Amino acid sequence: KNLPTVGVHTPSPWAGPYWPTYQDSINVQWAQNQPSAAEKYAKAFGKNATAFMDAVSKKNGIDSQSRRKQCSSDNDCSTLTDGSSCSIRTAHGPELKALVSLVYDGAGVQTVFTGARFNGGTDTPDEYGRHSNNAYRDLNPAYFHIASANILGKLNSTFVADVTAGAEVWNQPVRGFKVYEQTNMTLEEAAQTFYALEKYPWNAAAKSIVYVKSRLSWIYETYTDGGLVSSGQIDKFTTGQYYYYLLELDAAGVIIGGEWVYGSDDDHPDFLWLPKAEPAANTVTSIGLSYADVSMLMKKSTACTA
């Protein structure tokens, strides 16, 4: 009730590569004829470069058991840290972001998570296009709407979303939320318009319906160097999706549920999550990556004073 209809996180989350394990994570050479981010970090802070890079491979790279992308930690740190504005000596923006990503990954930062991951399996839509698998449909549009409006519109904060319920997990840091249409409807009008029924079939406690068209925008991956946020280039790496849904209201106008409609029955976020806090200042990960050292590099980069 009385929720904001628009919210944009300022400053924007930053964009960077996701450092997949099959490329050996941050051991991959980003800049031609230069060492990798891992080797640069090791040499800068007096570590044995070979041992450090081997640890990266074992934990996050080609020698690990995982085939995941480094996108989860990349996205939670992009929502809590400012993007680097310039290179420092021979360390470039994407390489600095890589170090931050691995610190968050290794620090085990606690998160708030809602929605179960849909991993496929039995899912037969009903006659109205509603998915039967609970993991596919558990992110209700009521929660999506309330969370997006409050987090972005009231708190100037943000979150991370797996934006495709029916495909592989692809976490994206959210930049903004905007409502483009809100149409008040009676239960009967909603039933006839969306389900060709005389009586609204889902929530017996609902007293009225609001049809909503909204858009969520997020940042996608790039290997581009430089201060993308401070320069405004982040707009080039911003995309999004329109969502269509019904909000079910009680007699007091409070949202108590909802249903996805039209193409959003299939194409809606799978889950939302956000980190509770940054890593502790004295964090050192199992591979030997120091949050204090990486934070110092990021501060120098954002200030362009190194």
C-alpha atoms as a PDB file:
ATOM      1  CA  LYS A   1       0.000   0.000   0.000  1.00  0.00           C
ATOM      2  CA  ASN A   2       1.358   3.421  -1.030  1.00  0.00           C
ATOM      3  CA  LEU A   3       4.500   1.842  -2.433  1.00  0.00           C
ATOM      4  CA  PRO A   4       6.905   3.834  -4.641  1.00  0.00           C
ATOM      5  CA  THR A   5       6.389   3.320  -8.362  1.00  0.00           C
ATOM      6  CA  VAL A   6      10.000   3.987  -9.319  1.00  0.00           C
ATOM      7  CA  GLY A   7      13.401   3.415  -7.772  1.00  0.00           C
ATOM      8  CA  VAL A   8      16.929   3.570  -9.182  1.00  0.00           C
ATOM      9  CA  HIS A   9      19.942   2.592  -7.123  1.00  0.00           C
ATOM     10  CA  THR A  10      22.504   5.387  -6.952  1.00  0.00           C
ATOM     11  CA  PRO A  11      25.324   4.872  -7.644  1.00  0.00           C
ATOM     12  CA  SER A  12      24.672   2.080 -10.082  1.00  0.00           C
ATOM     13  CA  PRO A  13      26.087  -1.385  -9.440  1.00  0.00           C
ATOM     14  CA  TRP A  14      29.230  -1.816 -11.494  1.00  0.00           C
ATOM     15  CA  ALA A  15      29.758  -4.103 -14.468  1.00  0.00           C
ATOM     16  CA  GLY A  16      32.609  -6.537 -14.895  1.00  0.00           C
ATOM     17  CA  PRO A  17      33.569 -10.000 -16.145  1.00  0.00           C
ATOM     18  CA  TYR A  18      32.353 -13.105 -14.324  1.00  0.00           C
ATOM     19  CA  TRP A  19      35.674 -15.021 -14.369  1.00  0.00           C
ATOM     20  CA  PRO A  20      34.408 -18.544 -15.138  1.00  0.00           C
ATOM     21  CA  THR A  21      36.147 -21.573 -13.711  1.00  0.00           C
ATOM     22  CA  TYR A  22      36.828 -23.092 -17.139  1.00  0.00           C
ATOM     23  CA  GLN A  23      39.071 -20.083 -17.884  1.00  0.00           C
ATOM     24  CA  ASP A  24      40.849 -20.611 -14.531  1.00  0.00           C
ATOM     25  CA  SER A  25      39.107 -17.714 -12.799  1.00  0.00           C
ATOM     26  CA  ILE A  26      41.372 -14.712 -12.093  1.00  0.00           C
ATOM     27  CA  ASN A  27      44.424 -16.600 -13.361  1.00  0.00           C
ATOM     28  CA  VAL A  28      43.334 -15.768 -16.898  1.00  0.00           C
ATOM     29  CA  GLN A  29      45.307 -12.969 -18.537  1.00  0.00           C
ATOM     30  CA  TRP A  30      42.951 -10.029 -19.027  1.00  0.00           C
ATOM     31  CA  ALA A  31      45.477  -7.589 -20.542  1.00  0.00           C
ATOM     32  CA  GLN A  32      47.590  -8.783 -23.448  1.00  0.00           C
ATOM     33  CA  ASN A  33      51.261  -9.344 -22.610  1.00  0.00           C
ATOM     34  CA  GLN A  34      50.624  -8.702 -18.913  1.00  0.00           C
ATOM     35  CA  PRO A  35      50.359 -11.089 -15.956  1.00  0.00           C
ATOM     36  CA  SER A  36      46.942 -12.133 -14.686  1.00  0.00           C
ATOM     37  CA  ALA A  37      45.139 -10.357 -11.861  1.00  0.00           C
ATOM     38  CA  ALA A  38      46.171 -13.184  -9.531  1.00  0.00           C
ATOM     39  CA  GLU A  39      49.857 -12.912 -10.413  1.00  0.00           C
ATOM     40  CA  LYS A  40      49.820  -9.106 -10.142  1.00  0.00           C
ATOM     41  CA  TYR A  41      48.226  -9.293  -6.699  1.00  0.00           C
ATOM     42  CA  ALA A  42      50.690 -11.909  -5.457  1.00  0.00           C
ATOM     43  CA  LYS A  43      53.725  -9.935  -6.610  1.00  0.00           C
ATOM     44  CA  ALA A  44      52.372  -6.629  -5.277  1.00  0.00           C
ATOM     45  CA  PHE A  45      51.913  -8.020  -1.778  1.00  0.00           C
ATOM     46  CA  GLY A  46      55.004 -10.186  -1.516  1.00  0.00           C
ATOM     47  CA  LYS A  47      53.389 -13.576  -2.071  1.00  0.00           C
ATOM     48  CA  ASN A  48      54.710 -16.545  -4.001  1.00  0.00           C
ATOM     49  CA  ALA A  49      52.934 -16.053  -7.322  1.00  0.00           C
ATOM     50  CA  THR A  50      53.001 -19.712  -8.347  1.00  0.00           C
ATOM     51  CA  ALA A  51      51.605 -20.911  -5.015  1.00  0.00           C
ATOM     52  CA  PHE A  52      48.901 -18.240  -5.018  1.00  0.00           C
ATOM     53  CA  MET A  53      47.815 -19.012  -8.580  1.00  0.00           C
ATOM     54  CA  ASP A  54      47.758 -22.739  -7.796  1.00  0.00           C
ATOM     55  CA  ALA A  55      45.463 -21.973  -4.856  1.00  0.00           C
ATOM     56  CA  VAL A  56      43.162 -19.978  -7.151  1.00  0.00           C
ATOM     57  CA  SER A  57      43.025 -22.901  -9.600  1.00  0.00           C
ATOM     58  CA  LYS A  58      42.218 -25.381  -6.848  1.00  0.00           C
ATOM     59  CA  LYS A  59      39.530 -23.271  -5.188  1.00  0.00           C
ATOM     60  CA  ASN A  60      37.982 -21.279  -8.036  1.00  0.00           C
ATOM     61  CA  GLY A  61      39.553 -22.420 -11.283  1.00  0.00           C
ATOM     62  CA  ILE A  62      40.317 -25.349 -13.527  1.00  0.00           C
ATOM     63  CA  ASP A  63      41.416 -27.680 -10.708  1.00  0.00           C
ATOM     64  CA  SER A  64      38.221 -27.150  -8.710  1.00  0.00           C
ATOM     65  CA  GLN A  65      35.240 -29.489  -8.828  1.00  0.00           C
ATOM     66  CA  SER A  66      32.951 -26.630  -9.768  1.00  0.00           C
ATOM     67  CA  ARG A  67      31.974 -25.503 -13.238  1.00  0.00           C
ATOM     68  CA  ARG A  68      30.232 -22.423 -11.961  1.00  0.00           C
ATOM     69  CA  LYS A  69      30.673 -18.839 -13.024  1.00  0.00           C
ATOM     70  CA  GLN A  70      32.098 -16.339 -10.550  1.00  0.00           C
ATOM     71  CA  CYS A  71      28.913 -14.315 -11.030  1.00  0.00           C
ATOM     72  CA  SER A  72      27.406 -14.689  -7.564  1.00  0.00           C
ATOM     73  CA  SER A  73      30.252 -13.064  -5.685  1.00  0.00           C
ATOM     74  CA  ASP A  74      30.819 -10.626  -8.537  1.00  0.00           C
ATOM     75  CA  ASN A  75      27.241  -9.448  -8.207  1.00  0.00           C
ATOM     76  CA  ASP A  76      26.963  -9.213  -4.443  1.00  0.00           C
ATOM     77  CA  CYS A  77      30.151  -7.143  -4.245  1.00  0.00           C
ATOM     78  CA  SER A  78      28.981  -4.921  -7.126  1.00  0.00           C
ATOM     79  CA  THR A  79      25.950  -3.977  -5.039  1.00  0.00           C
ATOM     80  CA  LEU A  80      28.068  -3.041  -1.989  1.00  0.00           C
ATOM     81  CA  THR A  81      31.243  -1.529  -3.454  1.00  0.00           C
ATOM     82  CA  ASP A  82      31.906   1.383  -5.791  1.00  0.00           C
ATOM     83  CA  GLY A  83      33.205   0.500  -9.227  1.00  0.00           C
ATOM     84  CA  SER A  84      36.823   1.330  -9.968  1.00  0.00           C
ATOM     85  CA  SER A  85      37.351   4.519 -11.974  1.00  0.00           C
ATOM     86  CA  CYS A  86      40.872   4.059 -13.259  1.00  0.00           C
ATOM     87  CA  SER A  87      43.752   1.646 -13.541  1.00  0.00           C
ATOM     88  CA  ILE A  88      46.502   1.789 -10.947  1.00  0.00           C
ATOM     89  CA  ARG A  89      49.971   1.201 -12.336  1.00  0.00           C
ATOM     90  CA  THR A  90      49.408  -2.009 -14.304  1.00  0.00           C
ATOM     91  CA  ALA A  91      46.256  -3.197 -12.510  1.00  0.00           C
ATOM     92  CA  HIS A  92      43.195  -2.488 -14.644  1.00  0.00           C
ATOM     93  CA  GLY A  93      39.607  -1.942 -13.545  1.00  0.00           C
ATOM     94  CA  PRO A  94      38.309  -5.418 -14.428  1.00  0.00           C
ATOM     95  CA  GLU A  95      41.284  -7.008 -12.639  1.00  0.00           C
ATOM     96  CA  LEU A  96      40.591  -5.026  -9.467  1.00  0.00           C
ATOM     97  CA  LYS A  97      36.944  -6.057  -9.639  1.00  0.00           C
ATOM     98  CA  ALA A  98      38.131  -9.643 -10.019  1.00  0.00           C
ATOM     99  CA  LEU A  99      40.011  -9.420  -6.731  1.00  0.00           C
ATOM    100  CA  VAL A 100      36.976  -7.963  -4.962  1.00  0.00           C
ATOM    101  CA  SER A 101      34.798 -10.734  -6.387  1.00  0.00           C
ATOM    102  CA  LEU A 102      37.064 -13.467  -5.053  1.00  0.00           C
ATOM    103  CA  VAL A 103      37.271 -11.838  -1.624  1.00  0.00           C
ATOM    104  CA  TYR A 104      33.478 -11.900  -1.356  1.00  0.00           C
ATOM    105  CA  ASP A 105      33.401 -15.461  -2.632  1.00  0.00           C
ATOM    106  CA  GLY A 106      35.970 -16.611  -0.093  1.00  0.00           C
ATOM    107  CA  ALA A 107      34.636 -14.574   2.820  1.00  0.00           C
ATOM    108  CA  GLY A 108      31.356 -16.477   2.943  1.00  0.00           C
ATOM    109  CA  VAL A 109      29.308 -13.304   3.330  1.00  0.00           C
ATOM    110  CA  GLN A 110      25.846 -14.036   4.733  1.00  0.00           C
ATOM    111  CA  THR A 111      22.902 -13.368   2.455  1.00  0.00           C
ATOM    112  CA  VAL A 112      19.148 -12.891   2.591  1.00  0.00           C
ATOM    113  CA  PHE A 113      17.638 -15.235   0.005  1.00  0.00           C
ATOM    114  CA  THR A 114      14.084 -15.728  -1.222  1.00  0.00           C
ATOM    115  CA  GLY A 115      12.780 -18.160  -3.804  1.00  0.00           C
ATOM    116  CA  ALA A 116      14.000 -21.686  -4.473  1.00  0.00           C
ATOM    117  CA  ARG A 117      16.206 -22.437  -7.460  1.00  0.00           C
ATOM    118  CA  PHE A 118      14.301 -24.175 -10.249  1.00  0.00           C
ATOM    119  CA  ASN A 119      16.522 -26.958 -11.563  1.00  0.00           C
ATOM    120  CA  GLY A 120      14.130 -28.397 -14.097  1.00  0.00           C
ATOM    121  CA  GLY A 121      12.155 -31.575 -13.627  1.00  0.00           C
ATOM    122  CA  THR A 122       8.416 -32.103 -13.685  1.00  0.00           C
ATOM    123  CA  ASP A 123       6.556 -28.917 -14.476  1.00  0.00           C
ATOM    124  CA  THR A 124       3.267 -29.097 -16.335  1.00  0.00           C
ATOM    125  CA  PRO A 125       1.466 -25.751 -16.659  1.00  0.00           C
ATOM    126  CA  ASP A 126      -2.233 -25.793 -15.856  1.00  0.00           C
ATOM    127  CA  GLU A 127      -4.931 -24.676 -18.290  1.00  0.00           C
ATOM    128  CA  TYR A 128      -4.244 -21.034 -17.378  1.00  0.00           C
ATOM    129  CA  GLY A 129      -0.484 -21.245 -17.964  1.00  0.00           C
ATOM    130  CA  ARG A 130       0.416 -21.329 -14.261  1.00  0.00           C
ATOM    131  CA  HIS A 131       3.433 -23.527 -13.537  1.00  0.00           C
ATOM    132  CA  SER A 132       2.874 -26.513 -11.270  1.00  0.00           C
ATOM    133  CA  ASN A 133       6.440 -26.833  -9.973  1.00  0.00           C
ATOM    134  CA  ASN A 134       6.701 -24.926  -6.700  1.00  0.00           C
ATOM    135  CA  ALA A 135      10.316 -23.951  -7.357  1.00  0.00           C
ATOM    136  CA  TYR A 136       9.274 -22.309 -10.641  1.00  0.00           C
ATOM    137  CA  ARG A 137       6.381 -20.335  -9.182  1.00  0.00           C
ATOM    138  CA  ASP A 138       7.481 -19.689  -5.592  1.00  0.00           C
ATOM    139  CA  LEU A 139       8.676 -16.147  -6.308  1.00  0.00           C
ATOM    140  CA  ASN A 140       5.206 -14.645  -6.185  1.00  0.00           C
ATOM    141  CA  PRO A 141       4.703 -11.336  -8.008  1.00  0.00           C
ATOM    142  CA  ALA A 142       3.389  -9.814  -4.785  1.00  0.00           C
ATOM    143  CA  TYR A 143       6.735 -10.409  -3.105  1.00  0.00           C
ATOM    144  CA  PHE A 144       8.621  -9.314  -6.214  1.00  0.00           C
ATOM    145  CA  HIS A 145       6.663  -6.045  -6.357  1.00  0.00           C
ATOM    146  CA  ILE A 146       6.908  -5.239  -2.640  1.00  0.00           C
ATOM    147  CA  ALA A 147      10.618  -6.077  -2.449  1.00  0.00           C
ATOM    148  CA  SER A 148      11.538  -4.136  -5.591  1.00  0.00           C
ATOM    149  CA  ALA A 149       9.506  -1.058  -4.663  1.00  0.00           C
ATOM    150  CA  ASN A 150      10.758  -0.912  -1.086  1.00  0.00           C
ATOM    151  CA  ILE A 151      14.419  -1.844  -1.582  1.00  0.00           C
ATOM    152  CA  LEU A 152      14.982   0.375  -4.618  1.00  0.00           C
ATOM    153  CA  GLY A 153      12.321   3.045  -4.133  1.00  0.00           C
ATOM    154  CA  LYS A 154      12.452   3.633  -0.378  1.00  0.00           C
ATOM    155  CA  LEU A 155      15.854   2.427   0.777  1.00  0.00           C
ATOM    156  CA  ASN A 156      18.023   3.311  -2.255  1.00  0.00           C
ATOM    157  CA  SER A 157      19.487  -0.140  -1.882  1.00  0.00           C
ATOM    158  CA  THR A 158      19.447  -3.029  -4.308  1.00  0.00           C
ATOM    159  CA  PHE A 159      19.614  -6.803  -4.661  1.00  0.00           C
ATOM    160  CA  VAL A 160      20.691  -9.570  -7.006  1.00  0.00           C
ATOM    161  CA  ALA A 161      18.235 -11.543  -9.138  1.00  0.00           C
ATOM    162  CA  ASP A 162      18.361 -14.738 -11.133  1.00  0.00           C
ATOM    163  CA  VAL A 163      16.302 -13.164 -13.876  1.00  0.00           C
ATOM    164  CA  THR A 164      15.256 -16.312 -15.767  1.00  0.00           C
ATOM    165  CA  ALA A 165      13.274 -18.910 -13.844  1.00  0.00           C
ATOM    166  CA  GLY A 166      13.221 -21.363 -16.738  1.00  0.00           C
ATOM    167  CA  ALA A 167      16.914 -21.248 -17.694  1.00  0.00           C
ATOM    168  CA  GLU A 168      20.341 -21.696 -16.105  1.00  0.00           C
ATOM    169  CA  VAL A 169      21.139 -19.504 -13.127  1.00  0.00           C
ATOM    170  CA  TRP A 170      22.380 -16.097 -14.207  1.00  0.00           C
ATOM    171  CA  ASN A 171      22.630 -13.673 -11.308  1.00  0.00           C
ATOM    172  CA  GLN A 172      22.422  -9.990 -12.185  1.00  0.00           C
ATOM    173  CA  PRO A 173      22.834  -6.922  -9.930  1.00  0.00           C
ATOM    174  CA  VAL A 174      19.622  -4.898 -10.106  1.00  0.00           C
ATOM    175  CA  ARG A 175      19.772  -1.216 -11.021  1.00  0.00           C
ATOM    176  CA  GLY A 176      16.172  -0.046 -11.093  1.00  0.00           C
ATOM    177  CA  PHE A 177      12.448  -0.741 -10.893  1.00  0.00           C
ATOM    178  CA  LYS A 178       9.586   1.198 -12.480  1.00  0.00           C
ATOM    179  CA  VAL A 179       5.828   0.695 -12.653  1.00  0.00           C
ATOM    180  CA  TYR A 180       4.437   1.598 -16.076  1.00  0.00           C
ATOM    181  CA  GLU A 181       0.805   0.672 -15.523  1.00  0.00           C
ATOM    182  CA  GLN A 182      -1.476   0.073 -12.543  1.00  0.00           C
ATOM    183  CA  THR A 183      -5.109  -0.703 -13.302  1.00  0.00           C
ATOM    184  CA  ASN A 184      -7.616  -1.258 -10.507  1.00  0.00           C
ATOM    185  CA  MET A 185     -10.034  -4.097 -11.213  1.00  0.00           C
ATOM    186  CA  THR A 186     -12.826  -5.912  -9.453  1.00  0.00           C
ATOM    187  CA  LEU A 187     -12.421  -9.629  -8.872  1.00  0.00           C
ATOM    188  CA  GLU A 188     -14.986 -10.281 -11.581  1.00  0.00           C
ATOM    189  CA  GLU A 189     -13.215  -8.047 -14.094  1.00  0.00           C
ATOM    190  CA  ALA A 190      -9.902  -9.776 -13.459  1.00  0.00           C
ATOM    191  CA  ALA A 191     -11.486 -13.218 -13.719  1.00  0.00           C
ATOM    192  CA  GLN A 192     -13.106 -12.398 -17.055  1.00  0.00           C
ATOM    193  CA  THR A 193     -10.122 -10.531 -18.521  1.00  0.00           C
ATOM    194  CA  PHE A 194      -7.361 -12.987 -17.676  1.00  0.00           C
ATOM    195  CA  TYR A 195      -9.060 -16.355 -17.200  1.00  0.00           C
ATOM    196  CA  ALA A 196     -12.386 -16.136 -19.062  1.00  0.00           C
ATOM    197  CA  LEU A 197     -14.152 -17.023 -15.817  1.00  0.00           C
ATOM    198  CA  GLU A 198     -17.007 -15.421 -13.923  1.00  0.00           C
ATOM    199  CA  LYS A 199     -15.373 -15.779 -10.509  1.00  0.00           C
ATOM    200  CA  TYR A 200     -11.773 -15.043  -9.549  1.00  0.00           C
ATOM    201  CA  PRO A 201     -10.351 -18.520  -8.881  1.00  0.00           C
ATOM    202  CA  TRP A 202      -7.246 -18.093  -6.736  1.00  0.00           C
ATOM    203  CA  ASN A 203      -7.219 -16.104  -3.519  1.00  0.00           C
ATOM    204  CA  ALA A 204     -10.455 -16.287  -1.541  1.00  0.00           C
ATOM    205  CA  ALA A 205      -9.248 -13.523   0.783  1.00  0.00           C
ATOM    206  CA  ALA A 206      -8.754 -11.028  -2.050  1.00  0.00           C
ATOM    207  CA  LYS A 207     -11.250  -8.167  -2.291  1.00  0.00           C
ATOM    208  CA  SER A 208      -9.849  -6.396  -5.349  1.00  0.00           C
ATOM    209  CA  ILE A 209      -7.149  -6.705  -7.997  1.00  0.00           C
ATOM    210  CA  VAL A 210      -4.522  -4.388  -9.459  1.00  0.00           C
ATOM    211  CA  TYR A 211      -3.076  -5.267 -12.854  1.00  0.00           C
ATOM    212  CA  VAL A 212       0.567  -4.145 -13.062  1.00  0.00           C
ATOM    213  CA  LYS A 213       3.094  -3.710 -15.841  1.00  0.00           C
ATOM    214  CA  SER A 214       6.551  -3.015 -14.410  1.00  0.00           C
ATOM    215  CA  ARG A 215      10.149  -3.195 -15.502  1.00  0.00           C
ATOM    216  CA  LEU A 216      13.224  -4.389 -13.653  1.00  0.00           C
ATOM    217  CA  SER A 217      16.605  -3.241 -14.979  1.00  0.00           C
ATOM    218  CA  TRP A 218      19.963  -4.833 -14.236  1.00  0.00           C
ATOM    219  CA  ILE A 219      23.642  -4.760 -15.154  1.00  0.00           C
ATOM    220  CA  TYR A 220      25.212  -7.368 -17.418  1.00  0.00           C
ATOM    221  CA  GLU A 221      28.784  -8.573 -17.826  1.00  0.00           C
ATOM    222  CA  THR A 222      31.547  -6.802 -19.710  1.00  0.00           C
ATOM    223  CA  TYR A 223      35.334  -6.885 -20.007  1.00  0.00           C
ATOM    224  CA  THR A 224      35.415  -3.137 -20.709  1.00  0.00           C
ATOM    225  CA  ASP A 225      37.998  -1.181 -18.719  1.00  0.00           C
ATOM    226  CA  GLY A 226      37.558   2.197 -17.034  1.00  0.00           C
ATOM    227  CA  GLY A 227      35.160   3.953 -14.688  1.00  0.00           C
ATOM    228  CA  LEU A 228      31.930   2.785 -16.271  1.00  0.00           C
ATOM    229  CA  VAL A 229      29.716   4.117 -13.484  1.00  0.00           C
ATOM    230  CA  SER A 230      31.365   7.513 -13.025  1.00  0.00           C
ATOM    231  CA  SER A 231      31.552   8.121 -16.792  1.00  0.00           C
ATOM    232  CA  GLY A 232      27.939   7.155 -17.451  1.00  0.00           C
ATOM    233  CA  GLN A 233      28.998   4.300 -19.721  1.00  0.00           C
ATOM    234  CA  ILE A 234      27.181   1.925 -17.362  1.00  0.00           C
ATOM    235  CA  ASP A 235      24.035   2.721 -19.361  1.00  0.00           C
ATOM    236  CA  LYS A 236      25.517   0.673 -22.215  1.00  0.00           C
ATOM    237  CA  PHE A 237      25.594  -2.355 -19.922  1.00  0.00           C
ATOM    238  CA  THR A 238      22.106  -1.931 -18.495  1.00  0.00           C
ATOM    239  CA  THR A 239      19.241  -4.051 -19.732  1.00  0.00           C
ATOM    240  CA  GLY A 240      15.970  -5.289 -18.279  1.00  0.00           C
ATOM    241  CA  GLN A 241      12.611  -6.952 -18.654  1.00  0.00           C
ATOM    242  CA  TYR A 242       8.944  -5.956 -18.463  1.00  0.00           C
ATOM    243  CA  TYR A 243       6.776  -8.024 -16.130  1.00  0.00           C
ATOM    244  CA  TYR A 244       2.999  -8.425 -16.093  1.00  0.00           C
ATOM    245  CA  TYR A 245       1.090  -9.551 -13.028  1.00  0.00           C
ATOM    246  CA  LEU A 246      -1.949  -9.232 -10.817  1.00  0.00           C
ATOM    247  CA  LEU A 247      -1.715  -8.000  -7.241  1.00  0.00           C
ATOM    248  CA  GLU A 248      -4.405  -9.293  -4.880  1.00  0.00           C
ATOM    249  CA  LEU A 249      -5.540  -6.771  -2.269  1.00  0.00           C
ATOM    250  CA  ASP A 250      -7.525  -7.151   0.941  1.00  0.00           C
ATOM    251  CA  ALA A 251     -10.285  -4.775   2.055  1.00  0.00           C
ATOM    252  CA  ALA A 252      -7.706  -2.303   3.392  1.00  0.00           C
ATOM    253  CA  GLY A 253      -5.808  -2.198   0.098  1.00  0.00           C
ATOM    254  CA  VAL A 254      -2.882  -4.242   1.399  1.00  0.00           C
ATOM    255  CA  ILE A 255      -1.188  -6.642  -1.030  1.00  0.00           C
ATOM    256  CA  ILE A 256      -1.818 -10.229   0.083  1.00  0.00           C
ATOM    257  CA  GLY A 257      -0.861 -12.214  -3.016  1.00  0.00           C
ATOM    258  CA  GLY A 258      -0.564 -12.183  -6.769  1.00  0.00           C
ATOM    259  CA  GLU A 259      -0.383 -14.047 -10.063  1.00  0.00           C
ATOM    260  CA  TRP A 260       1.919 -13.732 -13.055  1.00  0.00           C
ATOM    261  CA  VAL A 261       0.059 -13.212 -16.341  1.00  0.00           C
ATOM    262  CA  TYR A 262       0.791 -13.151 -20.059  1.00  0.00           C
ATOM    263  CA  GLY A 263       4.410 -13.989 -20.906  1.00  0.00           C
ATOM    264  CA  SER A 264       5.508 -13.414 -17.327  1.00  0.00           C
ATOM    265  CA  ASP A 265       3.990 -16.753 -16.348  1.00  0.00           C
ATOM    266  CA  ASP A 266       7.054 -18.254 -18.027  1.00  0.00           C
ATOM    267  CA  ASP A 267       9.508 -15.384 -17.988  1.00  0.00           C
ATOM    268  CA  HIS A 268       9.965 -14.033 -14.468  1.00  0.00           C
ATOM    269  CA  PRO A 269      12.803 -14.030 -11.909  1.00  0.00           C
ATOM    270  CA  ASP A 270      13.597 -17.323 -10.202  1.00  0.00           C
ATOM    271  CA  PHE A 271      14.917 -15.903  -6.930  1.00  0.00           C
ATOM    272  CA  LEU A 272      16.179 -12.700  -5.304  1.00  0.00           C
ATOM    273  CA  TRP A 273      18.959 -12.255  -2.777  1.00  0.00           C
ATOM    274  CA  LEU A 274      21.244  -9.681  -1.213  1.00  0.00           C
ATOM    275  CA  PRO A 275      24.358  -9.735   0.967  1.00  0.00           C
ATOM    276  CA  LYS A 276      23.833  -8.685   4.582  1.00  0.00           C
ATOM    277  CA  ALA A 277      27.120  -6.807   4.860  1.00  0.00           C
ATOM    278  CA  GLU A 278      30.613  -6.415   3.499  1.00  0.00           C
ATOM    279  CA  PRO A 279      33.297  -8.870   4.653  1.00  0.00           C
ATOM    280  CA  ALA A 280      34.987  -8.155   7.979  1.00  0.00           C
ATOM    281  CA  ALA A 281      37.897  -5.734   7.616  1.00  0.00           C
ATOM    282  CA  ASN A 282      40.429  -8.389   8.669  1.00  0.00           C
ATOM    283  CA  THR A 283      39.137 -11.057   6.265  1.00  0.00           C
ATOM    284  CA  VAL A 284      41.761 -13.226   4.590  1.00  0.00           C
ATOM    285  CA  THR A 285      40.353 -15.962   2.369  1.00  0.00           C
ATOM    286  CA  SER A 286      41.560 -19.552   2.195  1.00  0.00           C
ATOM    287  CA  ILE A 287      43.623 -18.732  -0.903  1.00  0.00           C
ATOM    288  CA  GLY A 288      45.326 -15.834   0.903  1.00  0.00           C
ATOM    289  CA  LEU A 289      43.389 -12.893  -0.533  1.00  0.00           C
ATOM    290  CA  SER A 290      43.210 -10.010   1.959  1.00  0.00           C
ATOM    291  CA  TYR A 291      40.110  -7.813   2.045  1.00  0.00           C
ATOM    292  CA  ALA A 292      42.149  -4.951   3.542  1.00  0.00           C
ATOM    293  CA  ASP A 293      44.659  -5.075   0.688  1.00  0.00           C
ATOM    294  CA  VAL A 294      41.989  -5.284  -1.998  1.00  0.00           C
ATOM    295  CA  SER A 295      39.950  -2.494  -0.378  1.00  0.00           C
ATOM    296  CA  MET A 296      43.017  -0.267  -0.399  1.00  0.00           C
ATOM    297  CA  LEU A 297      43.503  -0.911  -4.115  1.00  0.00           C
ATOM    298  CA  MET A 298      39.850  -0.159  -4.857  1.00  0.00           C
ATOM    299  CA  LYS A 299      39.954   3.097  -2.886  1.00  0.00           C
ATOM    300  CA  LYS A 300      43.022   4.217  -4.807  1.00  0.00           C
ATOM    301  CA  SER A 301      41.349   3.266  -8.058  1.00  0.00           C
ATOM    302  CA  THR A 302      38.068   5.070  -7.380  1.00  0.00           C
ATOM    303  CA  ALA A 303      40.010   8.163  -6.308  1.00  0.00           C
ATOM    304  CA  CYS A 304      42.465   7.870  -9.227  1.00  0.00           C
ATOM    305  CA  THR A 305      45.288   8.890  -6.904  1.00  0.00           C
ATOM    306  CA  ALA A 306      47.610   5.924  -7.261  1.00  0.00           C
END
